[in-house]
């Protein structure tokens, strides 16, 4: 009986889970790298903005990186693994909860991606009405650049509310619900799932190709754009 039980446990472990809920892979490596790189890029964007002065060049770099990462994440929501896809985590309220996101968490993730993408894109065309202007501001012209600057500031204020709320939700799930979703975004694995719930492949070569295409497109845009607006008028 003991031998039979051990054998059954090994079979379940091989299938990706055990009766005690061994971890199963739900977040692929490309998605995890994108997530934490986006955290770093957004943190760097805010920090370089408030640092001012020569830190503006880093603010621009963080803006490019944020935009590239958002574009990759949107592409990966169609071309990526199961739990990375919109079809899995953007659901109706009555739909069953996903192993990756809660229903509300999925919509929050979508809203944050949209806002971060809009914030980064607007910033590339914006100006501070004093000294600095975004690398693509000349393509917009002064009037449109001024309007996009207003949007850039407005979205940043909204993000100051939503990003701490997002962090607070993760802490709530960890402390109150005993559901450590941050750990899963680090390791890729989540415990307590039924056997066969996890993903089998991570499609890393596909992710690398998508990332390379996005990087090449943004690099070409940066190189071919005319010099930024002069703000001495």
Protein backbone atom coordinates (compact mmCIF):
# COMPACT_ATOMS: atom_id res chain seq x y z
CA UNK A 1 0.00 0.00 0.00
CA UNK A 2 2.83 2.40 0.84
CA UNK A 3 4.57 1.63 -2.46
CA UNK A 4 1.32 2.12 -4.39
CA UNK A 5 0.75 5.48 -2.71
CA UNK A 6 4.26 6.66 -3.51
CA UNK A 7 3.85 5.59 -7.12
CA UNK A 8 0.56 7.47 -7.39
CA UNK A 9 2.22 10.56 -5.94
CA UNK A 10 4.99 10.36 -8.51
CA UNK A 11 2.47 10.09 -11.34
CA UNK A 12 0.59 13.17 -10.09
CA UNK A 13 3.84 15.10 -9.67
CA UNK A 14 4.83 14.25 -13.22
CA UNK A 15 1.44 15.50 -14.40
CA UNK A 16 2.19 18.87 -12.82
CA UNK A 17 0.50 18.72 -9.44
CA UNK A 18 0.13 16.75 -6.22
CA UNK A 19 -2.52 16.30 -3.62
CA UNK A 20 -0.72 18.94 -1.58
CA UNK A 21 -0.73 21.38 -4.50
CA UNK A 22 2.77 21.45 -5.96
CA UNK A 23 3.45 24.43 -8.19
CA UNK A 24 2.51 24.43 -11.85
CA UNK A 25 3.83 26.84 -14.48
CA UNK A 26 1.25 29.49 -15.35
CA UNK A 27 3.46 32.50 -16.20
CA UNK A 28 6.02 31.99 -18.95
CA UNK A 29 9.48 33.54 -18.76
CA UNK A 30 8.89 36.20 -21.47
CA UNK A 31 5.83 37.48 -19.62
CA UNK A 32 7.63 37.56 -16.28
CA UNK A 33 10.60 39.43 -17.73
CA UNK A 34 8.23 41.89 -19.37
CA UNK A 35 6.31 42.43 -16.13
CA UNK A 36 9.33 43.18 -13.95
CA UNK A 37 11.07 45.22 -16.65
CA UNK A 38 7.89 47.30 -16.88
CA UNK A 39 7.96 47.81 -13.10
CA UNK A 40 11.55 49.04 -13.40
CA UNK A 41 10.79 51.27 -16.41
CA UNK A 42 7.80 52.93 -14.76
CA UNK A 43 9.70 53.43 -11.51
CA UNK A 44 12.57 54.94 -13.47
CA UNK A 45 10.18 57.21 -15.37
CA UNK A 46 8.72 58.70 -12.20
CA UNK A 47 12.11 58.94 -10.46
CA UNK A 48 13.82 60.67 -13.41
CA UNK A 49 10.89 63.07 -13.80
CA UNK A 50 11.12 64.28 -10.22
CA UNK A 51 14.92 64.36 -10.33
CA UNK A 52 14.74 66.95 -13.12
CA UNK A 53 17.71 68.50 -14.89
CA UNK A 54 20.00 66.10 -16.73
CA UNK A 55 17.84 63.16 -15.63
CA UNK A 56 15.44 64.07 -18.46
CA UNK A 57 17.46 61.91 -20.87
CA UNK A 58 16.78 58.93 -18.61
CA UNK A 59 13.13 59.91 -18.44
CA UNK A 60 13.01 59.66 -22.23
CA UNK A 61 14.80 56.32 -22.24
CA UNK A 62 12.39 54.94 -19.66
CA UNK A 63 9.53 56.22 -21.81
CA UNK A 64 10.81 54.35 -24.87
CA UNK A 65 11.30 51.22 -22.78
CA UNK A 66 7.82 51.48 -21.26
CA UNK A 67 6.23 51.85 -24.68
CA UNK A 68 8.18 48.89 -26.07
CA UNK A 69 7.24 46.68 -23.14
CA UNK A 70 3.56 47.61 -23.36
CA UNK A 71 3.57 46.83 -27.09
CA UNK A 72 5.22 43.49 -26.40
CA UNK A 73 2.69 42.66 -23.68
CA UNK A 74 -0.20 43.50 -25.99
CA UNK A 75 1.27 41.34 -28.74
CA UNK A 76 1.90 38.53 -26.24
CA UNK A 77 -1.77 38.72 -25.23
CA UNK A 78 -2.54 37.28 -28.67
CA UNK A 79 0.59 35.24 -29.47
CA UNK A 80 1.65 34.10 -26.02
CA UNK A 81 0.85 31.21 -23.74
CA UNK A 82 -2.56 30.43 -22.27
CA UNK A 83 -2.62 32.65 -19.19
CA UNK A 84 -0.97 35.57 -21.00
CA UNK A 85 -3.83 35.86 -23.49
CA UNK A 86 -6.71 38.32 -23.31
CA UNK A 87 -9.12 35.44 -23.89
CA UNK A 88 -8.04 33.95 -20.57
CA UNK A 89 -7.81 36.92 -18.21
CA UNK A 90 -10.24 39.53 -19.60
CA UNK A 91 -13.54 37.87 -18.69
CA UNK A 92 -17.16 38.65 -17.91
CA UNK A 93 -18.02 38.95 -14.18
CA UNK A 94 -19.94 35.65 -14.27
CA UNK A 95 -17.09 33.69 -15.88
CA UNK A 96 -15.03 31.22 -13.78
CA UNK A 97 -11.91 32.70 -12.20
CA UNK A 98 -8.65 32.13 -14.07
CA UNK A 99 -5.61 30.54 -12.47
CA UNK A 100 -3.65 33.59 -13.60
CA UNK A 101 -5.75 36.65 -12.77
CA UNK A 102 -8.87 37.27 -10.77
CA UNK A 103 -11.68 38.68 -12.91
CA UNK A 104 -11.21 42.17 -11.48
CA UNK A 105 -7.43 41.80 -11.63
CA UNK A 106 -7.58 41.00 -15.33
CA UNK A 107 -9.49 44.18 -16.08
CA UNK A 108 -7.11 46.16 -13.87
CA UNK A 109 -4.13 44.76 -15.78
CA UNK A 110 -5.75 45.77 -19.07
CA UNK A 111 -6.47 49.29 -17.79
CA UNK A 112 -2.90 49.72 -16.54
CA UNK A 113 -1.46 48.56 -19.86
CA UNK A 114 -3.67 51.02 -21.74
CA UNK A 115 -2.76 53.90 -19.45
CA UNK A 116 0.96 53.13 -19.39
CA UNK A 117 1.03 52.85 -23.17
CA UNK A 118 -0.86 56.13 -23.57
CA UNK A 119 1.36 57.82 -20.98
CA UNK A 120 4.57 56.73 -22.68
CA UNK A 121 3.33 57.56 -26.17
CA UNK A 122 2.08 61.01 -25.15
CA UNK A 123 5.36 61.73 -23.38
CA UNK A 124 7.38 61.13 -26.53
CA UNK A 125 5.47 63.98 -28.21
CA UNK A 126 5.14 66.23 -25.14
CA UNK A 127 7.11 69.18 -23.78
CA UNK A 128 7.49 70.85 -20.39
CA UNK A 129 6.94 74.37 -21.79
CA UNK A 130 10.35 75.39 -20.42
CA UNK A 131 13.44 73.51 -21.56
CA UNK A 132 12.73 69.93 -22.58
CA UNK A 133 10.61 68.33 -25.29
CA UNK A 134 10.02 64.72 -26.23
CA UNK A 135 12.02 63.09 -29.01
CA UNK A 136 9.01 63.00 -31.37
CA UNK A 137 7.61 66.42 -30.48
CA UNK A 138 8.57 67.93 -33.85
CA UNK A 139 6.35 65.39 -35.59
CA UNK A 140 3.37 66.68 -33.62
CA UNK A 141 4.05 70.41 -33.85
CA UNK A 142 3.80 72.84 -30.95
CA UNK A 143 0.00 72.95 -30.61
CA UNK A 144 -0.52 69.19 -30.55
CA UNK A 145 2.57 68.73 -28.38
CA UNK A 146 1.06 71.10 -25.82
CA UNK A 147 -2.21 69.13 -25.77
CA UNK A 148 -0.37 65.84 -25.40
CA UNK A 149 1.65 67.36 -22.56
CA UNK A 150 -1.63 67.99 -20.74
CA UNK A 151 -2.63 64.37 -21.26
CA UNK A 152 0.79 63.19 -20.12
CA UNK A 153 0.36 65.00 -16.81
CA UNK A 154 -3.27 63.92 -16.37
CA UNK A 155 -2.50 60.23 -16.93
CA UNK A 156 0.42 60.38 -14.52
CA UNK A 157 -1.92 61.61 -11.78
CA UNK A 158 -4.31 58.74 -12.49
CA UNK A 159 -1.43 56.26 -12.37
CA UNK A 160 -0.37 57.62 -8.99
CA UNK A 161 -3.76 56.35 -7.77
CA UNK A 162 -4.05 53.07 -9.70
CA UNK A 163 -0.52 51.73 -9.27
CA UNK A 164 -0.58 51.83 -5.43
CA UNK A 165 -4.07 50.30 -5.60
CA UNK A 166 -2.64 47.48 -7.72
CA UNK A 167 0.14 46.89 -5.17
CA UNK A 168 -2.36 47.03 -2.29
CA UNK A 169 -4.50 44.38 -4.00
CA UNK A 170 -1.47 42.07 -4.27
CA UNK A 171 -0.73 42.58 -0.56
CA UNK A 172 -4.37 41.89 0.31
CA UNK A 173 -4.36 38.61 -1.59
CA UNK A 174 -1.09 37.58 0.05
CA UNK A 175 -1.97 38.49 3.63
CA UNK A 176 -5.75 38.00 3.81
CA UNK A 177 -6.54 35.46 1.09
CA UNK A 178 -3.24 33.54 1.44
CA UNK A 179 -2.81 33.71 -2.33
CA UNK A 180 0.73 34.84 -3.15
CA UNK A 181 0.39 36.15 -6.70
CA UNK A 182 3.66 38.08 -6.57
CA UNK A 183 5.62 34.88 -5.95
CA UNK A 184 4.01 33.33 -9.03
CA UNK A 185 5.19 36.30 -11.10
CA UNK A 186 8.73 35.66 -9.89
CA UNK A 187 8.94 31.89 -10.20
CA UNK A 188 6.25 31.38 -12.84
CA UNK A 189 4.65 28.63 -10.74
CA UNK A 190 1.46 28.61 -8.71
CA UNK A 191 0.49 26.07 -6.08
CA UNK A 192 -2.83 24.45 -5.33
CA UNK A 193 -3.96 23.98 -8.94
CA UNK A 194 -5.53 20.87 -10.41
CA UNK A 195 -3.19 18.59 -12.38
CA UNK A 196 -2.85 19.64 -16.01
CA UNK A 197 -3.73 23.29 -15.33
CA UNK A 198 -0.25 24.64 -16.09
CA UNK A 199 1.23 25.49 -19.46
CA UNK A 200 3.49 23.04 -21.29
CA UNK A 201 5.58 25.37 -23.49
CA UNK A 202 6.82 28.94 -23.10
CA UNK A 203 7.47 29.85 -26.77
CA UNK A 204 10.62 31.80 -25.95
CA UNK A 205 11.86 31.98 -29.57
CA UNK A 206 8.52 33.48 -30.61
CA UNK A 207 8.76 36.04 -27.80
CA UNK A 208 12.30 36.97 -28.83
CA UNK A 209 11.22 37.51 -32.44
CA UNK A 210 8.32 39.76 -31.38
CA UNK A 211 10.56 41.74 -29.02
CA UNK A 212 13.18 42.19 -31.74
CA UNK A 213 10.59 43.49 -34.24
CA UNK A 214 9.20 45.98 -31.72
CA UNK A 215 12.68 47.16 -30.72
CA UNK A 216 13.70 47.60 -34.37
CA UNK A 217 10.55 49.59 -35.17
CA UNK A 218 10.99 51.93 -32.20
CA UNK A 219 14.70 52.35 -32.90
CA UNK A 220 13.97 53.29 -36.51
CA UNK A 221 11.36 55.80 -35.33
CA UNK A 222 13.84 57.37 -32.91
CA UNK A 223 16.60 57.60 -35.51
CA UNK A 224 14.44 58.93 -38.36
CA UNK A 225 12.50 61.49 -36.33
CA UNK A 226 13.45 65.17 -36.78
CA UNK A 227 15.10 67.02 -33.85
CA UNK A 228 12.78 67.81 -30.96
CA UNK A 229 10.93 71.13 -30.75
CA UNK A 230 12.85 74.20 -29.65
CA UNK A 231 11.05 75.86 -26.74
CA UNK A 232 12.56 79.34 -26.88
CA UNK A 233 9.50 80.98 -28.41
